[in-house]
Amino acid sequence: MLDASPATARSPLEKRRPNVCREEQLTLVRLSRPCAQAFIDTIQFWKQGCSGPRWCVGYERRIRYYIIYRHVYATEHQTVFRCCPGWIQWDDEPGCFSSLSSLGTHFSGRECSYQDTRQCLCSQGFHGPHCQYDINECAVDNGGCRDRCCNTIGSYYCRCQAGQKLEEDGRGCEDV
């Protein structure tokens, strides 16, 4: 059997290499923003002419300012480079030179037949030209579940609220 496991530690893809696709993704970043703060301070000073030629203590209120930095979170668009659908990066290749169809299998483990249709027959729960996408069964009619539908890779299951259990059909709920 052919081992179709790419290396885990990969070098970054180069954008002008074969079968490398550009994608925009949103990334959450932490930013430091300056924020001016003010407070009133009473300062002590010596002044002349309190009673005759003598000096005495005086007080004066002044506004003082200082800067603090607050952390805020924002989303930024970031360009990333990934292998185009149907292609894979091996070892430290700078591009995606290996076709998944040349491996003879696809993501859900089924064999691909490219005789006439050049399409894979996907296992239940997967779709796409190489069966690389999971079908979210919960997106349509809550997966047939009466209460909660939990999507998993290639499948789904139903859950009930606390104090209830699944009925024998695996979809309905009944009190415990």
Protein backbone atom coordinates (compact mmCIF):
# COMPACT_ATOMS: atom_id res chain seq x y z
CA MET A 1 0.00 0.00 0.00
CA LEU A 2 1.22 3.50 -0.82
CA ASP A 3 2.00 5.74 2.17
CA ALA A 4 0.38 9.08 1.33
CA SER A 5 1.53 10.93 4.44
CA PRO A 6 3.18 14.26 3.76
CA ALA A 7 5.88 15.43 6.14
CA THR A 8 4.57 17.36 9.12
CA ALA A 9 7.29 20.04 9.27
CA ARG A 10 6.95 21.93 6.00
CA SER A 11 8.71 24.89 4.51
CA PRO A 12 6.50 27.81 3.49
CA LEU A 13 4.97 27.66 0.05
CA GLU A 14 6.25 30.12 -2.52
CA LYS A 15 3.47 32.06 -4.22
CA ARG A 16 4.74 31.69 -7.80
CA ARG A 17 5.23 27.92 -7.63
CA PRO A 18 2.91 25.42 -9.37
CA ASN A 19 -0.49 24.68 -7.81
CA VAL A 20 -0.08 27.22 -4.99
CA CYS A 21 -3.27 29.19 -4.34
CA ARG A 22 -3.57 32.50 -2.59
CA GLU A 23 -6.25 32.81 0.11
CA GLU A 24 -7.40 35.66 2.29
CA GLN A 25 -8.17 34.81 5.88
CA LEU A 26 -9.21 36.85 8.89
CA THR A 27 -6.78 36.78 11.79
CA LEU A 28 -7.38 38.06 15.31
CA VAL A 29 -4.50 40.31 16.40
CA ARG A 30 -3.75 42.07 19.69
CA LEU A 31 -2.86 45.74 19.36
CA SER A 32 -1.59 48.22 21.97
CA ARG A 33 -3.36 51.57 21.79
CA PRO A 34 -2.15 54.65 23.71
CA CYS A 35 -4.70 56.23 25.99
CA ALA A 36 -4.11 59.58 27.76
CA GLN A 37 -5.20 59.68 31.38
CA ALA A 38 -5.47 62.79 33.58
CA PHE A 39 -5.53 63.34 37.31
CA ILE A 40 -5.53 66.36 39.60
CA ASP A 41 -2.50 66.67 41.83
CA THR A 42 -1.99 69.14 44.67
CA ILE A 43 1.57 70.38 44.78
CA GLN A 44 3.29 72.23 47.60
CA PHE A 45 5.49 75.24 46.89
CA TRP A 46 7.14 78.13 48.76
CA LYS A 47 5.84 81.59 48.14
CA GLN A 48 6.91 85.05 49.28
CA GLY A 49 4.97 87.72 50.99
CA CYS A 50 2.85 85.73 53.38
CA SER A 51 3.39 88.17 56.27
CA GLY A 52 6.16 90.55 55.60
CA PRO A 53 9.35 89.39 53.94
CA ARG A 54 8.92 85.81 55.09
CA TRP A 55 8.26 82.75 52.97
CA CYS A 56 5.38 80.39 53.58
CA VAL A 57 3.99 77.18 52.14
CA GLY A 58 1.38 77.42 49.42
CA TYR A 59 -0.66 74.75 47.62
CA GLU A 60 -1.77 74.67 44.04
CA ARG A 61 -3.87 72.19 42.07
CA ARG A 62 -2.51 71.06 38.72
CA ILE A 63 -3.73 68.63 36.10
CA ARG A 64 -1.17 65.97 35.25
CA TYR A 65 -1.26 63.60 32.29
CA TYR A 66 0.18 60.18 31.66
CA ILE A 67 -0.11 57.57 28.92
CA ILE A 68 -1.28 54.02 29.42
CA TYR A 69 -1.52 51.35 26.75
CA ARG A 70 -4.71 49.38 26.42
CA HIS A 71 -4.80 46.07 24.59
CA VAL A 72 -7.51 45.84 21.97
CA TYR A 73 -8.27 43.03 19.57
CA ALA A 74 -9.00 43.52 15.90
CA THR A 75 -9.41 41.34 12.86
CA GLU A 76 -7.01 41.81 10.00
CA HIS A 77 -6.99 40.34 6.52
CA GLN A 78 -3.95 38.16 5.99
CA THR A 79 -2.81 36.53 2.76
CA VAL A 80 -1.81 32.89 3.09
CA PHE A 81 -0.62 30.44 0.48
CA ARG A 82 -1.94 26.88 0.42
CA CYS A 83 -1.95 24.03 -2.02
CA CYS A 84 -4.78 24.34 -4.54
CA PRO A 85 -7.53 21.69 -4.20
CA GLY A 86 -6.30 18.34 -5.44
CA TRP A 87 -2.60 19.07 -4.82
CA ILE A 88 -0.28 18.42 -1.89
CA GLN A 89 3.10 19.60 -0.64
CA TRP A 90 5.70 16.95 0.21
CA ASP A 91 8.75 17.40 2.43
CA ASP A 92 10.38 20.79 1.84
CA GLU A 93 9.06 21.42 -1.67
CA PRO A 94 8.43 25.12 -2.32
CA GLY A 95 5.31 24.28 -4.35
CA CYS A 96 2.55 21.69 -4.58
CA PHE A 97 3.91 19.24 -7.13
CA SER A 98 2.02 16.06 -6.18
CA SER A 99 -1.51 15.48 -7.43
CA LEU A 100 -3.83 13.71 -5.03
CA SER A 101 -5.32 11.86 -7.99
CA SER A 102 -1.92 10.33 -8.71
CA LEU A 103 -2.00 8.71 -5.29
CA GLY A 104 -5.06 6.66 -6.27
CA THR A 105 -6.95 7.45 -3.08
CA HIS A 106 -8.74 10.43 -1.68
CA PHE A 107 -9.34 11.87 1.75
CA SER A 108 -12.15 9.59 2.82
CA GLY A 109 -10.10 6.51 1.91
CA ARG A 110 -12.06 5.39 -1.17
CA GLU A 111 -10.43 4.59 -4.50
CA CYS A 112 -10.61 7.12 -7.31
CA SER A 113 -11.48 5.97 -10.80
CA TYR A 114 -10.49 8.34 -13.57
CA GLN A 115 -11.43 6.18 -16.55
CA ASP A 116 -14.28 8.22 -18.03
CA THR A 117 -15.60 10.69 -15.46
CA ARG A 118 -12.36 11.72 -13.70
CA GLN A 119 -14.28 11.90 -10.43
CA CYS A 120 -14.04 10.10 -7.13
CA LEU A 121 -17.03 8.30 -5.66
CA CYS A 122 -17.08 9.75 -2.17
CA SER A 123 -17.88 7.90 1.01
CA GLN A 124 -21.01 9.01 2.81
CA GLY A 125 -20.40 12.31 4.59
CA PHE A 126 -17.81 13.69 2.13
CA HIS A 127 -17.91 15.68 -1.11
CA GLY A 128 -15.59 17.54 -3.47
CA PRO A 129 -13.46 16.56 -6.45
CA HIS A 130 -11.19 14.52 -4.18
CA CYS A 131 -13.74 13.97 -1.38
CA GLN A 132 -11.77 16.43 0.71
CA TYR A 133 -14.76 18.31 2.16
CA ASP A 134 -16.93 17.17 5.04
CA ILE A 135 -20.69 17.44 4.57
CA ASN A 136 -22.36 19.25 7.47
CA GLU A 137 -25.36 16.96 7.91
CA CYS A 138 -26.68 19.25 10.67
CA ALA A 139 -27.13 22.15 8.22
CA VAL A 140 -30.25 20.60 6.65
CA ASP A 141 -33.27 19.97 8.88
CA ASN A 142 -30.99 19.75 11.96
CA GLY A 143 -29.80 16.35 10.65
CA GLY A 144 -33.21 14.90 11.55
CA CYS A 145 -32.39 15.34 15.25
CA ARG A 146 -35.17 16.45 17.56
CA ASP A 147 -32.84 18.44 19.86
CA ARG A 148 -29.14 18.96 19.11
CA CYS A 149 -27.21 17.85 16.04
CA CYS A 150 -23.41 17.47 16.36
CA ASN A 151 -21.47 17.39 13.11
CA THR A 152 -18.32 15.24 13.02
CA ILE A 153 -15.87 14.53 10.21
CA GLY A 154 -17.73 12.27 7.80
CA SER A 155 -20.79 11.84 10.01
CA TYR A 156 -22.94 13.36 12.77
CA TYR A 157 -24.86 12.35 15.87
CA CYS A 158 -27.86 13.59 17.85
CA ARG A 159 -27.80 14.74 21.49
CA CYS A 160 -30.50 15.54 23.99
CA GLN A 161 -30.77 18.13 26.72
CA ALA A 162 -29.85 17.29 30.32
CA GLY A 163 -32.50 15.06 31.87
CA GLN A 164 -33.29 13.37 28.56
CA LYS A 165 -31.87 10.43 26.63
CA LEU A 166 -31.90 9.42 22.99
CA GLU A 167 -34.74 7.24 21.82
CA GLU A 168 -33.98 3.97 20.02
CA ASP A 169 -34.10 5.69 16.63
CA GLY A 170 -31.05 7.78 17.66
CA ARG A 171 -32.83 11.02 16.76
CA GLY A 172 -35.65 11.64 19.22
CA CYS A 173 -35.40 12.44 22.94
CA GLU A 174 -37.34 11.13 25.92
CA ASP A 175 -37.29 12.05 29.60
CA VAL A 176 -35.08 9.98 31.87
